[in-house]
Structures are given as structure tokens and as C-alpha cells.
Amino acid sequence: MWAGVAALLAGGGWVAIMAALPALIAVAVLAIAWVLAHPEVTCALCGARRDMQIDEIVEAVDFPLSMAEVEEINALVEFAE
């Protein structure tokens, strides 16, 4: 799955993902929120070098994705694999 995510982002597929969301959010917020939306994930270990990155990590916790949004992102990731 993670290789598919890397391929999707490297190929510019993140543009389709971001276009599917109603709110303007940082890619990091979307990525962390998507990881946290998976029930098999108990936590997301994130590192930050700048204050802005810490803000994005905190924002992701309060940005729950709908099941439809998670399924749409999952479909794009599976397509990239």
C-alpha cells in the first residue's frame, strides 16, 4: 500500500485527491488524517522541523475524513499500485 501512495504522490495524483476535498487543507494534514482514518492504525508518528509543521499535525487530528473521502483516496492509491 505505501509504495502505491509514494507512486501516486510522485505522479501528481495528489492533485486529484486534493481536488476531491471541499476544504483547502495542507497535503500533510490530508496525509495524516488519511492514515489516522484507518482502524488498523493506532497512532501516526510525525516529525516536525518547523512550527508550521506542528500546526499541521495538530490540525490533522481535528480533520476527520468522511468514509466517502477515505474510500476515494483508497481507490486512487490502489489505482497507483
Protein backbone atom coordinates (compact mmCIF):
# COMPACT_ATOMS: atom_id res chain seq x y z
CA MET A 1 0.00 0.00 0.00
CA TRP A 2 2.72 2.51 0.92
CA ALA A 3 4.54 2.01 -2.38
CA GLY A 4 1.27 2.91 -4.08
CA VAL A 5 0.99 6.09 -2.04
CA ALA A 6 4.53 7.10 -2.99
CA ALA A 7 3.84 6.39 -6.67
CA LEU A 8 0.58 8.30 -6.53
CA LEU A 9 2.16 11.38 -4.98
CA ALA A 10 5.21 11.25 -7.25
CA GLY A 11 2.96 11.05 -10.30
CA GLY A 12 0.94 14.10 -9.31
CA GLY A 13 -2.08 12.06 -8.25
CA TRP A 14 -2.32 14.13 -5.10
CA VAL A 15 -3.86 16.86 -7.26
CA ALA A 16 -6.92 14.64 -7.85
CA ILE A 17 -7.12 13.85 -4.16
CA MET A 18 -6.91 17.50 -3.12
CA ALA A 19 -9.50 18.47 -5.75
CA ALA A 20 -11.91 15.93 -4.26
CA LEU A 21 -11.91 17.64 -0.88
CA PRO A 22 -14.20 20.58 -0.16
CA ALA A 23 -11.80 22.43 2.15
CA LEU A 24 -8.43 23.94 1.40
CA ILE A 25 -6.01 21.98 3.53
CA ALA A 26 -2.31 21.23 3.51
CA VAL A 27 -1.18 17.98 1.92
CA ALA A 28 0.38 16.99 5.26
CA VAL A 29 -2.97 17.42 7.01
CA LEU A 30 -4.68 15.24 4.42
CA ALA A 31 -1.97 12.57 4.60
CA ILE A 32 -2.03 12.33 8.39
CA ALA A 33 -5.84 12.41 8.52
CA TRP A 34 -5.96 9.60 5.93
CA VAL A 35 -3.52 7.48 7.93
CA LEU A 36 -5.49 8.06 11.13
CA ALA A 37 -8.75 7.13 9.36
CA HIS A 38 -7.61 3.51 9.08
CA PRO A 39 -8.79 1.44 12.05
CA GLU A 40 -5.66 -0.73 11.99
CA VAL A 41 -3.55 2.37 12.72
CA THR A 42 -3.27 3.20 16.42
CA CYS A 43 -1.12 6.32 16.03
CA ALA A 44 0.76 8.37 13.48
CA LEU A 45 4.37 9.14 14.32
CA CYS A 46 5.15 12.53 12.83
CA GLY A 47 8.27 14.62 12.95
CA ALA A 48 8.48 18.36 12.53
CA ARG A 49 11.31 20.79 11.88
CA ARG A 50 9.25 23.97 11.76
CA ASP A 51 6.43 25.37 13.87
CA MET A 52 4.09 25.31 10.87
CA GLN A 53 4.52 21.54 10.60
CA ILE A 54 3.47 21.10 14.22
CA ASP A 55 0.35 23.14 13.47
CA GLU A 56 -0.45 20.86 10.52
CA ILE A 57 -0.02 17.73 12.63
CA VAL A 58 -2.40 19.09 15.28
CA GLU A 59 -4.89 20.18 12.60
CA ALA A 60 -4.92 16.67 11.11
CA VAL A 61 -6.17 15.19 14.37
CA ASP A 62 -9.19 17.50 14.21
CA PHE A 63 -9.80 16.88 10.50
CA PRO A 64 -11.71 13.62 10.31
CA LEU A 65 -12.29 12.39 6.80
CA SER A 66 -15.68 11.04 5.82
CA MET A 67 -15.89 7.40 4.80
CA ALA A 68 -16.55 8.54 1.22
CA GLU A 69 -13.36 10.64 1.22
CA VAL A 70 -11.31 7.76 2.64
CA GLU A 71 -12.73 5.38 0.03
CA GLU A 72 -11.97 7.83 -2.78
CA ILE A 73 -8.36 8.23 -1.62
CA ASN A 74 -8.04 4.46 -1.18
CA ALA A 75 -9.28 3.94 -4.74
CA LEU A 76 -6.66 6.37 -6.07
CA VAL A 77 -3.92 4.65 -4.05
CA GLU A 78 -5.00 1.19 -5.26
CA PHE A 79 -5.04 2.51 -8.84
CA ALA A 80 -1.43 3.66 -8.45
CA GLU A 81 -0.27 0.23 -7.25
